[in-house]
Amino acid sequence: QVQLVESGGGLAQPGGSLRLSCAASGDIFSINAMGWYRQAPGKQRELVATITNGGSTNYADSVKGRFTISRDAAKNPVHLQMNSLKPEDSAVYYCAADSGPRQYWGQGTQVTVSS
């Protein structure tokens, strides 16, 4: 079992920045990759960014050049630096961890971008 706890959400103005963090605990050595997803009201959950144990990253086209996923030297926690925020970035952001055939989710953290 893997437990994920997100932090760092909140309110930002358009053009502003926020940094999300995700701390994993439990069977963390089973994790192959971690990522961030988001879900806005009335929309499906979508991938934002992922990072593998090897350090390879992947981003949704909508956030490329604005968001950066990274992790500490110990590979935990994982961060999502969000710059140049837009109102359409508003959503609940979820941390996810891939562990073999299982995927674990955090409880989500709200990000609201509004003036």
N, C-alpha and C. Protein backbone atom coordinates (compact mmCIF):
# COMPACT_ATOMS: atom_id res chain seq x y z
N GLN A 1 0.84 -1.20 0.00
CA GLN A 1 0.00 0.00 0.00
C GLN A 1 0.87 1.24 0.00
N VAL A 2 0.39 2.23 -0.74
CA VAL A 2 1.07 3.52 -0.82
C VAL A 2 0.08 4.61 -0.43
N GLN A 3 0.51 5.52 0.40
CA GLN A 3 -0.32 6.66 0.77
C GLN A 3 0.32 7.93 0.20
N LEU A 4 -0.53 8.80 -0.31
CA LEU A 4 -0.07 10.04 -0.93
C LEU A 4 -0.77 11.23 -0.27
N VAL A 5 0.00 12.24 0.06
CA VAL A 5 -0.56 13.44 0.67
C VAL A 5 -0.08 14.66 -0.11
N GLU A 6 -1.04 15.40 -0.67
CA GLU A 6 -0.71 16.61 -1.43
C GLU A 6 -0.75 17.84 -0.52
N SER A 7 -0.01 18.85 -0.93
CA SER A 7 -0.05 20.14 -0.25
C SER A 7 0.31 21.22 -1.24
N GLY A 8 -0.03 22.46 -0.88
CA GLY A 8 0.40 23.60 -1.68
C GLY A 8 -0.64 24.23 -2.57
N GLY A 9 -1.85 23.72 -2.59
CA GLY A 9 -2.88 24.33 -3.41
C GLY A 9 -3.33 25.66 -2.81
N GLY A 10 -4.21 26.33 -3.53
CA GLY A 10 -4.73 27.60 -3.02
C GLY A 10 -5.17 28.50 -4.15
N LEU A 11 -5.18 29.79 -3.85
CA LEU A 11 -5.64 30.80 -4.79
C LEU A 11 -4.46 31.55 -5.37
N ALA A 12 -4.47 31.74 -6.67
CA ALA A 12 -3.43 32.52 -7.34
C ALA A 12 -4.09 33.42 -8.38
N GLN A 13 -3.43 34.53 -8.66
CA GLN A 13 -3.92 35.42 -9.70
C GLN A 13 -3.43 34.94 -11.06
N PRO A 14 -4.12 35.27 -12.13
CA PRO A 14 -3.61 34.94 -13.46
C PRO A 14 -2.19 35.49 -13.64
N GLY A 15 -1.33 34.63 -14.17
CA GLY A 15 0.07 34.99 -14.32
C GLY A 15 0.91 34.66 -13.12
N GLY A 16 0.28 34.25 -12.03
CA GLY A 16 0.99 33.92 -10.81
C GLY A 16 1.51 32.50 -10.79
N SER A 17 2.03 32.11 -9.63
CA SER A 17 2.65 30.80 -9.47
C SER A 17 2.16 30.11 -8.20
N LEU A 18 2.17 28.79 -8.27
CA LEU A 18 1.92 27.94 -7.11
C LEU A 18 2.83 26.73 -7.21
N ARG A 19 3.14 26.14 -6.08
CA ARG A 19 3.95 24.92 -6.06
C ARG A 19 3.23 23.87 -5.25
N LEU A 20 2.95 22.75 -5.90
CA LEU A 20 2.32 21.62 -5.24
C LEU A 20 3.38 20.60 -4.86
N SER A 21 3.14 19.91 -3.75
CA SER A 21 4.03 18.83 -3.33
C SER A 21 3.22 17.60 -3.01
N CYS A 22 3.83 16.45 -3.21
CA CYS A 22 3.17 15.17 -2.93
C CYS A 22 4.16 14.29 -2.20
N ALA A 23 3.81 13.92 -0.98
CA ALA A 23 4.66 13.05 -0.17
C ALA A 23 4.07 11.66 -0.15
N ALA A 24 4.89 10.68 -0.50
CA ALA A 24 4.47 9.28 -0.51
C ALA A 24 4.99 8.57 0.72
N SER A 25 4.20 7.65 1.23
CA SER A 25 4.63 6.81 2.35
C SER A 25 4.10 5.40 2.14
N GLY A 26 4.58 4.48 2.94
CA GLY A 26 4.19 3.08 2.79
C GLY A 26 5.20 2.35 1.93
N ASP A 27 4.72 1.57 0.97
CA ASP A 27 5.57 0.75 0.11
C ASP A 27 6.13 1.57 -1.05
N ILE A 28 6.92 2.60 -0.72
CA ILE A 28 7.37 3.54 -1.75
C ILE A 28 8.36 2.89 -2.73
N PHE A 29 9.00 1.79 -2.33
CA PHE A 29 9.95 1.15 -3.24
C PHE A 29 9.24 0.42 -4.38
N SER A 30 7.93 0.28 -4.29
CA SER A 30 7.17 -0.34 -5.37
C SER A 30 6.76 0.67 -6.44
N ILE A 31 7.00 1.96 -6.18
CA ILE A 31 6.55 3.00 -7.11
C ILE A 31 7.47 3.08 -8.33
N ASN A 32 6.87 3.05 -9.53
CA ASN A 32 7.63 3.16 -10.77
C ASN A 32 7.63 4.58 -11.34
N ALA A 33 6.55 5.27 -11.08
CA ALA A 33 6.40 6.63 -11.61
C ALA A 33 5.38 7.36 -10.76
N MET A 34 5.48 8.69 -10.78
CA MET A 34 4.49 9.52 -10.08
C MET A 34 4.04 10.63 -11.02
N GLY A 35 2.90 11.16 -10.72
CA GLY A 35 2.40 12.20 -11.61
C GLY A 35 1.33 13.05 -10.95
N TRP A 36 0.93 14.05 -11.70
CA TRP A 36 -0.15 14.94 -11.29
C TRP A 36 -1.25 14.91 -12.33
N TYR A 37 -2.46 14.85 -11.87
CA TYR A 37 -3.65 14.92 -12.71
C TYR A 37 -4.53 16.03 -12.15
N ARG A 38 -5.48 16.48 -12.96
CA ARG A 38 -6.40 17.49 -12.47
C ARG A 38 -7.80 17.24 -13.02
N GLN A 39 -8.77 17.72 -12.28
CA GLN A 39 -10.16 17.58 -12.70
C GLN A 39 -10.91 18.86 -12.37
N ALA A 40 -11.42 19.48 -13.40
CA ALA A 40 -12.23 20.68 -13.26
C ALA A 40 -13.70 20.28 -13.19
N PRO A 41 -14.55 21.11 -12.62
CA PRO A 41 -15.98 20.77 -12.52
C PRO A 41 -16.57 20.46 -13.89
N GLY A 42 -17.26 19.34 -13.97
CA GLY A 42 -17.92 18.94 -15.20
C GLY A 42 -17.02 18.36 -16.26
N LYS A 43 -15.73 18.19 -15.93
CA LYS A 43 -14.79 17.65 -16.90
C LYS A 43 -14.17 16.36 -16.38
N GLN A 44 -13.59 15.60 -17.31
CA GLN A 44 -12.91 14.38 -16.91
C GLN A 44 -11.53 14.70 -16.31
N ARG A 45 -11.07 13.79 -15.50
CA ARG A 45 -9.73 13.93 -14.95
C ARG A 45 -8.72 13.80 -16.09
N GLU A 46 -7.72 14.69 -16.09
CA GLU A 46 -6.74 14.67 -17.16
C GLU A 46 -5.32 14.69 -16.60
N LEU A 47 -4.41 14.12 -17.38
CA LEU A 47 -3.02 14.10 -17.00
C LEU A 47 -2.42 15.50 -17.11
N VAL A 48 -1.60 15.86 -16.12
CA VAL A 48 -0.88 17.13 -16.17
C VAL A 48 0.60 16.88 -16.44
N ALA A 49 1.22 16.03 -15.63
CA ALA A 49 2.64 15.75 -15.79
C ALA A 49 2.99 14.47 -15.05
N THR A 50 3.99 13.76 -15.56
CA THR A 50 4.46 12.56 -14.90
C THR A 50 5.99 12.56 -14.86
N ILE A 51 6.54 11.80 -13.92
CA ILE A 51 7.99 11.62 -13.83
C ILE A 51 8.26 10.18 -13.42
N THR A 52 9.17 9.53 -14.15
CA THR A 52 9.50 8.14 -13.86
C THR A 52 10.65 8.05 -12.86
N ASN A 53 10.90 6.85 -12.40
CA ASN A 53 12.04 6.65 -11.50
C ASN A 53 13.35 7.03 -12.17
N GLY A 54 13.39 6.90 -13.50
CA GLY A 54 14.59 7.27 -14.24
C GLY A 54 14.71 8.76 -14.50
N GLY A 55 13.68 9.51 -14.11
CA GLY A 55 13.71 10.95 -14.27
C GLY A 55 13.08 11.47 -15.55
N SER A 56 12.54 10.59 -16.37
CA SER A 56 11.87 11.03 -17.59
C SER A 56 10.55 11.71 -17.25
N THR A 57 10.29 12.81 -17.93
CA THR A 57 9.08 13.57 -17.67
C THR A 57 8.19 13.64 -18.89
N ASN A 58 6.91 13.87 -18.63
CA ASN A 58 5.92 13.99 -19.69
C ASN A 58 4.91 15.03 -19.25
N TYR A 59 4.50 15.90 -20.18
CA TYR A 59 3.57 16.98 -19.85
C TYR A 59 2.41 17.03 -20.83
N ALA A 60 1.27 17.45 -20.32
CA ALA A 60 0.16 17.77 -21.21
C ALA A 60 0.53 18.99 -22.04
N ASP A 61 0.08 19.03 -23.27
CA ASP A 61 0.40 20.16 -24.15
C ASP A 61 -0.01 21.49 -23.53
N SER A 62 -1.10 21.47 -22.79
CA SER A 62 -1.64 22.71 -22.24
C SER A 62 -0.77 23.34 -21.15
N VAL A 63 0.17 22.56 -20.60
CA VAL A 63 1.00 23.09 -19.51
C VAL A 63 2.48 23.14 -19.87
N LYS A 64 2.85 22.64 -21.04
CA LYS A 64 4.26 22.65 -21.44
C LYS A 64 4.81 24.06 -21.44
N GLY A 65 6.00 24.20 -20.86
CA GLY A 65 6.63 25.51 -20.79
C GLY A 65 6.19 26.34 -19.60
N ARG A 66 5.15 25.91 -18.91
CA ARG A 66 4.65 26.66 -17.74
C ARG A 66 4.79 25.87 -16.45
N PHE A 67 4.59 24.55 -16.54
CA PHE A 67 4.65 23.69 -15.35
C PHE A 67 5.91 22.84 -15.40
N THR A 68 6.45 22.55 -14.23
CA THR A 68 7.62 21.67 -14.14
C THR A 68 7.41 20.67 -13.01
N ILE A 69 7.57 19.39 -13.34
CA ILE A 69 7.49 18.35 -12.34
C ILE A 69 8.92 17.98 -11.94
N SER A 70 9.13 17.79 -10.65
CA SER A 70 10.46 17.45 -10.17
C SER A 70 10.33 16.66 -8.88
N ARG A 71 11.45 16.19 -8.39
CA ARG A 71 11.42 15.44 -7.15
C ARG A 71 12.74 15.69 -6.42
N ASP A 72 12.71 15.47 -5.12
CA ASP A 72 13.91 15.62 -4.33
C ASP A 72 14.88 14.48 -4.65
N ALA A 73 16.10 14.58 -4.15
CA ALA A 73 17.13 13.58 -4.45
C ALA A 73 16.69 12.19 -4.01
N ALA A 74 15.91 12.12 -2.96
CA ALA A 74 15.43 10.82 -2.47
C ALA A 74 14.21 10.35 -3.22
N LYS A 75 13.85 11.07 -4.32
CA LYS A 75 12.70 10.74 -5.16
C LYS A 75 11.37 10.94 -4.46
N ASN A 76 11.39 11.56 -3.32
CA ASN A 76 10.17 11.78 -2.56
C ASN A 76 10.41 12.97 -1.64
N PRO A 77 9.59 14.03 -1.64
CA PRO A 77 8.35 14.16 -2.40
C PRO A 77 8.54 14.61 -3.85
N VAL A 78 7.44 14.62 -4.56
CA VAL A 78 7.40 15.09 -5.93
C VAL A 78 6.71 16.45 -5.93
N HIS A 79 7.23 17.36 -6.73
CA HIS A 79 6.71 18.71 -6.77
C HIS A 79 6.16 19.05 -8.15
N LEU A 80 5.23 19.97 -8.18
CA LEU A 80 4.74 20.53 -9.44
C LEU A 80 4.80 22.04 -9.31
N GLN A 81 5.76 22.64 -9.99
CA GLN A 81 5.88 24.10 -10.03
C GLN A 81 5.03 24.62 -11.16
N MET A 82 4.08 25.46 -10.83
CA MET A 82 3.13 25.98 -11.81
C MET A 82 3.33 27.48 -11.95
N ASN A 83 3.78 27.91 -13.10
CA ASN A 83 4.00 29.32 -13.40
C ASN A 83 3.05 29.79 -14.48
N SER A 84 2.94 31.09 -14.61
CA SER A 84 2.08 31.68 -15.64
C SER A 84 0.69 31.06 -15.62
N LEU A 85 0.14 30.98 -14.45
CA LEU A 85 -1.16 30.32 -14.28
C LEU A 85 -2.26 31.05 -15.02
N LYS A 86 -3.20 30.25 -15.51
CA LYS A 86 -4.36 30.76 -16.24
C LYS A 86 -5.63 30.33 -15.53
N PRO A 87 -6.72 31.06 -15.71
CA PRO A 87 -7.98 30.64 -15.08
C PRO A 87 -8.36 29.20 -15.44
N GLU A 88 -8.03 28.76 -16.64
CA GLU A 88 -8.38 27.40 -17.05
C GLU A 88 -7.53 26.34 -16.35
N ASP A 89 -6.54 26.75 -15.58
CA ASP A 89 -5.79 25.79 -14.77
C ASP A 89 -6.51 25.46 -13.47
N SER A 90 -7.57 26.17 -13.18
CA SER A 90 -8.33 25.92 -11.95
C SER A 90 -8.93 24.52 -11.97
N ALA A 91 -8.67 23.77 -10.92
CA ALA A 91 -9.13 22.39 -10.83
C ALA A 91 -8.69 21.81 -9.49
N VAL A 92 -9.17 20.63 -9.21
CA VAL A 92 -8.61 19.84 -8.11
C VAL A 92 -7.45 19.04 -8.69
N TYR A 93 -6.29 19.18 -8.09
CA TYR A 93 -5.09 18.50 -8.56
C TYR A 93 -4.83 17.28 -7.68
N TYR A 94 -4.63 16.14 -8.35
CA TYR A 94 -4.42 14.88 -7.66
C TYR A 94 -3.01 14.35 -7.94
N CYS A 95 -2.37 13.88 -6.91
CA CYS A 95 -1.10 13.17 -7.06
C CYS A 95 -1.41 11.69 -7.29
N ALA A 96 -0.64 11.05 -8.15
CA ALA A 96 -0.84 9.64 -8.43
C ALA A 96 0.51 8.93 -8.43
N ALA A 97 0.48 7.67 -8.03
CA ALA A 97 1.69 6.84 -8.04
C ALA A 97 1.38 5.51 -8.71
N ASP A 98 2.21 5.14 -9.68
CA ASP A 98 2.09 3.85 -10.34
C ASP A 98 2.97 2.84 -9.64
N SER A 99 2.36 1.74 -9.20
CA SER A 99 3.07 0.71 -8.46
C SER A 99 2.70 -0.64 -9.05
N GLY A 100 3.44 -1.06 -10.08
CA GLY A 100 3.09 -2.30 -10.74
C GLY A 100 1.72 -2.18 -11.38
N PRO A 101 0.82 -3.11 -11.08
CA PRO A 101 -0.51 -3.04 -11.69
C PRO A 101 -1.45 -2.07 -10.98
N ARG A 102 -1.01 -1.50 -9.88
CA ARG A 102 -1.89 -0.64 -9.10
C ARG A 102 -1.51 0.82 -9.24
N GLN A 103 -2.54 1.65 -9.17
CA GLN A 103 -2.31 3.10 -9.16
C GLN A 103 -2.97 3.66 -7.90
N TYR A 104 -2.20 4.49 -7.22
CA TYR A 104 -2.69 5.09 -5.99
C TYR A 104 -2.94 6.57 -6.21
N TRP A 105 -3.89 7.11 -5.45
CA TRP A 105 -4.27 8.52 -5.60
C TRP A 105 -4.25 9.23 -4.26
N GLY A 106 -3.88 10.50 -4.31
CA GLY A 106 -4.02 11.34 -3.14
C GLY A 106 -5.44 11.87 -3.04
N GLN A 107 -5.68 12.67 -2.01
CA GLN A 107 -7.04 13.17 -1.77
C GLN A 107 -7.37 14.39 -2.61
N GLY A 108 -6.36 14.99 -3.21
CA GLY A 108 -6.58 16.15 -4.07
C GLY A 108 -6.40 17.46 -3.33
N THR A 109 -5.96 18.46 -4.08
CA THR A 109 -5.81 19.80 -3.52
C THR A 109 -6.35 20.81 -4.54
N GLN A 110 -7.12 21.76 -4.06
CA GLN A 110 -7.78 22.72 -4.94
C GLN A 110 -6.82 23.81 -5.37
N VAL A 111 -6.82 24.08 -6.66
CA VAL A 111 -6.09 25.22 -7.23
C VAL A 111 -7.11 26.11 -7.93
N THR A 112 -7.15 27.36 -7.53
CA THR A 112 -8.05 28.33 -8.13
C THR A 112 -7.25 29.51 -8.64
N VAL A 113 -7.43 29.81 -9.91
CA VAL A 113 -6.74 30.93 -10.54
C VAL A 113 -7.79 31.97 -10.91
N SER A 114 -7.74 33.08 -10.22
CA SER A 114 -8.77 34.10 -10.41
C SER A 114 -8.24 35.45 -9.93
N SER A 115 -8.71 36.50 -10.60
CA SER A 115 -8.35 37.85 -10.17
C SER A 115 -9.39 38.39 -9.21
